[in-house]
Amino acid sequence: MHAELSWADRRVARALAEVGARRPLVHCLTNIVVAGFTANVLLAVDASPAMVENAEESGAFAAVAGAVLVNLGTLSGEREVAMRSASAAAHGAGRPWVLDPVAVGALAHRTALAADLLELRPTVVRANASEVMGLVGAGPGGRGVDSLSGSDEALDHARELASAHGCVVAVSGVVDYVTDGTDVVVVPGGDPLMTRVTGVGCALGALVAAFAAVDDDALFAAAAASAVFAVAGERAARGGPGPGTFAVAMLDELGALADGVSPARA
């Protein structure tokens, strides 16, 4: 079954309001390029970010957080140990956690790491099309963090991945697709400027984690987070800003949506 979800659906606004009301603590093990922007995206919607990445504390912190994000963007020996520890702790404690398998398929080591982490049953895998295809061995991956395939090309592979690992897979692209292996939610919207600012996709993974912390329906949580991100991107792009101005406007629009304020550009 295919369904479409956008900001126009009142359930999405209610889910965003629930994030603001409960202020979930999102433990982010993410890459050094995007940590600040990711934290600001969470703060914009009134979630609470934490960037605890040392191997000694990550597992303990993951067990008490509202949700966990594991982003493979910039790996190191200690960060990898921390990611394994946090993922295992989240799984053991029944905390939702999101895997963002950056650049898998193209690089053997991180592809093997992602395969190991998949055994710890992430709640959601958020990835671009090339990464999804790389995870199931259907392609060589993308060009670094960039996808060489459209999200529609990865949909069947996303279904396969979700069914094999009992998770939700959210495929980002011009149109986002979110699936639990059976049902598919289509999320339209966004703007091309979202691909010209580093960290936008990675920050979406954190937003998915925040929504999963307050809604047990992982399929809806991932799709709702994607719908919020898409409309914020559309609104931030109005007036034709450059990438730098767009990044700031994106945070402003997320905050406006969270506050229930009609943005000035709307």
Protein backbone atom coordinates (compact mmCIF):
# COMPACT_ATOMS: atom_id res chain seq x y z
CA MET A 1 0.00 0.00 0.00
CA HIS A 2 1.24 3.49 -0.89
CA ALA A 3 0.12 6.58 1.00
CA GLU A 4 1.26 10.18 0.80
CA LEU A 5 2.12 12.29 3.82
CA SER A 6 2.85 16.00 3.95
CA TRP A 7 2.67 18.94 6.33
CA ALA A 8 -0.97 19.34 5.30
CA ASP A 9 -1.81 16.20 7.31
CA ARG A 10 -2.79 17.34 10.80
CA ARG A 11 -1.15 14.27 12.33
CA VAL A 12 2.24 15.65 11.31
CA ALA A 13 1.70 18.92 13.16
CA ARG A 14 0.46 17.00 16.20
CA ALA A 15 3.57 14.82 16.15
CA LEU A 16 5.80 17.89 15.97
CA ALA A 17 3.90 19.41 18.89
CA GLU A 18 4.48 16.22 20.86
CA VAL A 19 8.23 16.54 20.27
CA GLY A 20 8.05 20.07 21.67
CA ALA A 21 5.95 18.99 24.65
CA ARG A 22 8.14 16.04 25.64
CA ARG A 23 11.53 17.46 24.59
CA PRO A 24 13.16 14.06 23.97
CA LEU A 25 16.86 13.68 24.67
CA VAL A 26 18.46 12.55 21.40
CA HIS A 27 21.90 11.01 21.76
CA CYS A 28 23.73 11.79 18.51
CA LEU A 29 26.86 9.95 17.47
CA THR A 30 27.35 11.82 14.26
CA ASN A 31 30.12 13.12 12.07
CA ILE A 32 32.34 16.07 12.78
CA VAL A 33 31.17 18.00 9.72
CA VAL A 34 27.53 18.21 10.79
CA ALA A 35 27.39 18.04 14.58
CA GLY A 36 26.61 21.72 15.14
CA PHE A 37 23.91 21.94 12.50
CA THR A 38 22.37 18.67 13.72
CA ALA A 39 22.20 19.96 17.29
CA ASN A 40 20.62 23.22 16.11
CA VAL A 41 17.96 21.37 14.10
CA LEU A 42 16.96 19.45 17.23
CA LEU A 43 16.95 22.61 19.33
CA ALA A 44 14.81 24.38 16.72
CA VAL A 45 12.01 21.87 17.30
CA ASP A 46 12.50 21.88 21.09
CA ALA A 47 14.19 18.49 21.28
CA SER A 48 17.31 18.12 23.41
CA PRO A 49 20.53 17.09 21.62
CA ALA A 50 23.51 15.40 23.23
CA MET A 51 26.75 14.63 21.43
CA VAL A 52 28.40 12.06 23.70
CA GLU A 53 30.87 10.16 21.52
CA ASN A 54 33.52 8.73 23.82
CA ALA A 55 33.69 4.96 24.07
CA GLU A 56 33.49 4.94 27.87
CA GLU A 57 30.13 6.74 28.18
CA SER A 58 28.21 6.22 24.94
CA GLY A 59 26.60 2.94 25.92
CA ALA A 60 25.42 4.16 29.31
CA PHE A 61 24.09 7.37 27.80
CA ALA A 62 22.24 5.55 25.01
CA ALA A 63 20.41 3.39 27.52
CA VAL A 64 18.77 6.42 29.16
CA ALA A 65 18.28 8.70 26.13
CA GLY A 66 14.94 9.09 24.43
CA ALA A 67 16.46 7.99 21.13
CA VAL A 68 19.85 7.47 19.53
CA LEU A 69 21.30 8.47 16.17
CA VAL A 70 24.32 6.61 14.77
CA ASN A 71 25.78 8.36 11.72
CA LEU A 72 28.80 6.75 10.05
CA GLY A 73 30.05 9.89 8.32
CA THR A 74 33.50 10.36 9.88
CA LEU A 75 34.73 7.17 11.49
CA SER A 76 37.61 6.68 13.90
CA GLY A 77 38.63 3.77 16.07
CA GLU A 78 37.12 5.22 19.25
CA ARG A 79 34.01 6.49 17.50
CA GLU A 80 33.38 3.05 16.04
CA VAL A 81 33.64 1.44 19.50
CA ALA A 82 31.24 4.08 20.82
CA MET A 83 28.78 3.43 18.01
CA ARG A 84 28.76 -0.29 18.63
CA SER A 85 28.30 0.27 22.35
CA ALA A 86 25.51 2.82 21.93
CA SER A 87 23.64 0.71 19.37
CA ALA A 88 23.83 -2.39 21.58
CA ALA A 89 22.70 -0.42 24.63
CA ALA A 90 19.78 1.18 22.79
CA HIS A 91 18.71 -2.21 21.47
CA GLY A 92 19.01 -3.80 24.90
CA ALA A 93 17.08 -1.02 26.62
CA GLY A 94 14.36 -0.90 23.98
CA ARG A 95 15.23 2.65 22.96
CA PRO A 96 14.53 3.68 19.37
CA TRP A 97 17.67 4.23 17.35
CA VAL A 98 18.39 5.45 13.85
CA LEU A 99 21.21 4.26 11.60
CA ASP A 100 22.50 6.68 8.97
CA PRO A 101 24.92 4.54 6.90
CA VAL A 102 26.83 7.35 5.22
CA ALA A 103 28.79 6.27 2.11
CA VAL A 104 28.22 2.54 2.57
CA GLY A 105 28.69 0.43 -0.52
CA ALA A 106 31.48 2.66 -1.77
CA LEU A 107 33.82 1.87 1.15
CA ALA A 108 34.33 -1.67 2.42
CA HIS A 109 35.08 -0.96 6.09
CA ARG A 110 32.02 1.15 6.80
CA THR A 111 29.87 -1.24 4.76
CA ALA A 112 30.97 -4.08 7.05
CA LEU A 113 30.35 -1.92 10.12
CA ALA A 114 26.86 -1.05 8.89
CA ALA A 115 26.14 -4.75 8.36
CA ASP A 116 27.14 -5.45 11.97
CA LEU A 117 24.99 -2.60 13.28
CA LEU A 118 22.00 -3.84 11.30
CA GLU A 119 22.11 -6.98 13.44
CA LEU A 120 21.29 -4.75 16.43
CA ARG A 121 17.92 -3.95 14.88
CA PRO A 122 17.82 -0.21 14.25
CA THR A 123 14.35 1.25 14.47
CA VAL A 124 14.92 3.28 11.31
CA VAL A 125 17.58 3.28 8.61
CA ARG A 126 17.73 6.74 7.00
CA ALA A 127 19.80 6.80 3.85
CA ASN A 128 20.01 8.01 0.28
CA ALA A 129 19.25 5.68 -2.60
CA SER A 130 22.85 4.59 -3.26
CA GLU A 131 23.37 3.79 0.41
CA VAL A 132 20.24 1.66 0.57
CA MET A 133 21.33 -0.23 -2.52
CA GLY A 134 24.82 -0.63 -1.06
CA LEU A 135 23.40 -2.13 2.14
CA VAL A 136 21.65 -4.90 0.21
CA GLY A 137 24.55 -5.48 -2.19
CA ALA A 138 22.65 -4.11 -5.15
CA GLY A 139 25.18 -1.48 -6.18
CA PRO A 140 28.60 0.00 -5.48
CA GLY A 141 27.26 2.90 -3.44
CA GLY A 142 27.43 6.56 -4.30
CA ARG A 143 30.17 9.12 -4.75
CA GLY A 144 31.11 9.72 -1.15
CA VAL A 145 28.00 11.08 0.55
CA ASP A 146 26.27 11.80 -2.78
CA SER A 147 23.76 9.41 -4.24
CA LEU A 148 24.10 8.38 -7.87
CA SER A 149 20.58 6.93 -7.97
CA GLY A 150 17.09 8.32 -7.52
CA SER A 151 15.05 7.41 -4.46
CA ASP A 152 12.48 5.63 -6.64
CA GLU A 153 15.19 3.30 -7.94
CA ALA A 154 15.91 2.14 -4.39
CA LEU A 155 12.34 1.54 -3.25
CA ASP A 156 12.28 -2.22 -3.85
CA HIS A 157 15.68 -2.52 -2.16
CA ALA A 158 14.38 -0.47 0.76
CA ARG A 159 11.48 -2.89 1.13
CA GLU A 160 13.94 -5.79 1.07
CA LEU A 161 16.15 -4.18 3.71
CA ALA A 162 13.21 -3.35 5.97
CA SER A 163 11.80 -6.86 5.76
CA ALA A 164 15.15 -8.51 6.38
CA HIS A 165 15.94 -6.50 9.51
CA GLY A 166 12.54 -5.68 10.95
CA CYS A 167 13.05 -1.95 10.63
CA VAL A 168 11.73 1.08 8.78
CA VAL A 169 13.79 2.40 5.88
CA ALA A 170 13.55 6.06 4.91
CA VAL A 171 15.04 6.82 1.50
CA SER A 172 15.82 10.49 0.93
CA GLY A 173 15.68 12.09 -2.50
CA VAL A 174 13.67 14.48 -4.63
CA VAL A 175 10.77 12.47 -3.24
CA ASP A 176 11.27 10.59 0.02
CA TYR A 177 10.02 7.03 0.43
CA VAL A 178 9.50 5.43 3.82
CA THR A 179 8.71 1.72 4.15
CA ASP A 180 8.42 -1.02 6.73
CA GLY A 181 8.76 -3.67 4.04
CA THR A 182 5.04 -3.80 3.35
CA ASP A 183 3.55 -0.33 3.44
CA VAL A 184 5.14 2.66 1.71
CA VAL A 185 4.68 6.31 2.61
CA VAL A 186 5.55 8.86 -0.06
CA VAL A 187 6.76 12.24 1.19
CA PRO A 188 6.97 14.93 -1.52
CA GLY A 189 8.48 18.37 -1.20
CA GLY A 190 11.76 19.94 -0.23
CA ASP A 191 14.02 22.06 -2.42
CA PRO A 192 17.26 21.51 -4.40
CA LEU A 193 19.05 23.92 -2.04
CA MET A 194 18.83 21.18 0.59
CA THR A 195 21.55 19.32 -1.34
CA ARG A 196 23.88 22.34 -1.31
CA VAL A 197 24.24 22.65 2.45
CA THR A 198 26.30 20.10 4.33
CA GLY A 199 24.51 18.23 7.08
CA VAL A 200 20.92 18.54 5.90
CA GLY A 201 20.42 14.81 5.33
CA CYS A 202 22.35 13.93 8.48
CA ALA A 203 20.23 16.32 10.53
CA LEU A 204 17.11 14.67 9.15
CA GLY A 205 18.32 11.45 10.75
CA ALA A 206 18.38 13.21 14.13
CA LEU A 207 14.89 14.60 13.55
CA VAL A 208 13.66 11.10 12.73
CA ALA A 209 15.13 9.93 16.04
CA ALA A 210 13.32 12.73 17.90
CA PHE A 211 9.98 11.74 16.35
CA ALA A 212 10.63 8.05 17.06
CA ALA A 213 11.22 8.97 20.71
CA VAL A 214 7.64 10.24 21.05
CA ASP A 215 5.74 7.94 18.68
CA ASP A 216 5.90 4.14 18.75
CA ASP A 217 4.80 3.91 15.11
CA ALA A 218 8.24 4.05 13.50
CA LEU A 219 6.83 4.20 9.97
CA PHE A 220 4.77 7.27 10.79
CA ALA A 221 7.53 8.85 12.90
CA ALA A 222 10.07 8.65 10.07
CA ALA A 223 7.58 9.89 7.48
CA ALA A 224 6.37 12.74 9.69
CA ALA A 225 9.92 13.92 10.36
CA SER A 226 10.59 13.84 6.62
CA ALA A 227 7.41 15.85 5.95
CA VAL A 228 8.39 18.52 8.49
CA PHE A 229 11.86 18.75 6.99
CA ALA A 230 10.48 19.00 3.46
CA VAL A 231 8.13 21.88 4.19
CA ALA A 232 10.81 23.71 6.17
CA GLY A 233 13.14 23.37 3.18
CA GLU A 234 10.50 24.66 0.79
CA ARG A 235 9.76 27.68 2.94
CA ALA A 236 13.43 28.43 3.59
CA ALA A 237 14.09 28.48 -0.17
CA ARG A 238 11.49 31.14 -0.95
CA GLY A 239 13.03 34.32 -2.23
CA GLY A 240 16.02 32.52 -3.75
CA PRO A 241 18.58 32.66 -0.91
CA GLY A 242 22.11 31.36 -1.37
CA PRO A 243 23.21 28.20 0.47
CA GLY A 244 24.49 30.08 3.52
CA THR A 245 21.34 32.10 4.03
CA PHE A 246 19.26 29.01 3.29
CA ALA A 247 20.90 27.05 6.12
CA VAL A 248 19.98 29.73 8.64
CA ALA A 249 16.49 30.09 7.16
CA MET A 250 16.00 26.33 7.45
CA LEU A 251 16.51 26.55 11.21
CA ASP A 252 14.18 29.54 11.39
CA GLU A 253 11.46 27.70 9.51
CA LEU A 254 11.78 24.59 11.68
CA GLY A 255 11.45 26.79 14.73
CA ALA A 256 8.43 28.56 13.26
CA LEU A 257 6.74 25.25 12.50
CA ALA A 258 7.45 24.02 16.02
CA ASP A 259 6.07 27.24 17.51
CA GLY A 260 2.98 27.14 15.33
CA VAL A 261 3.93 30.46 13.77
CA SER A 262 3.25 31.29 10.13
CA PRO A 263 6.68 32.18 8.69
CA ALA A 264 7.13 35.58 7.13
CA ARG A 265 7.90 33.99 3.76
CA ALA A 266 4.78 31.85 3.77
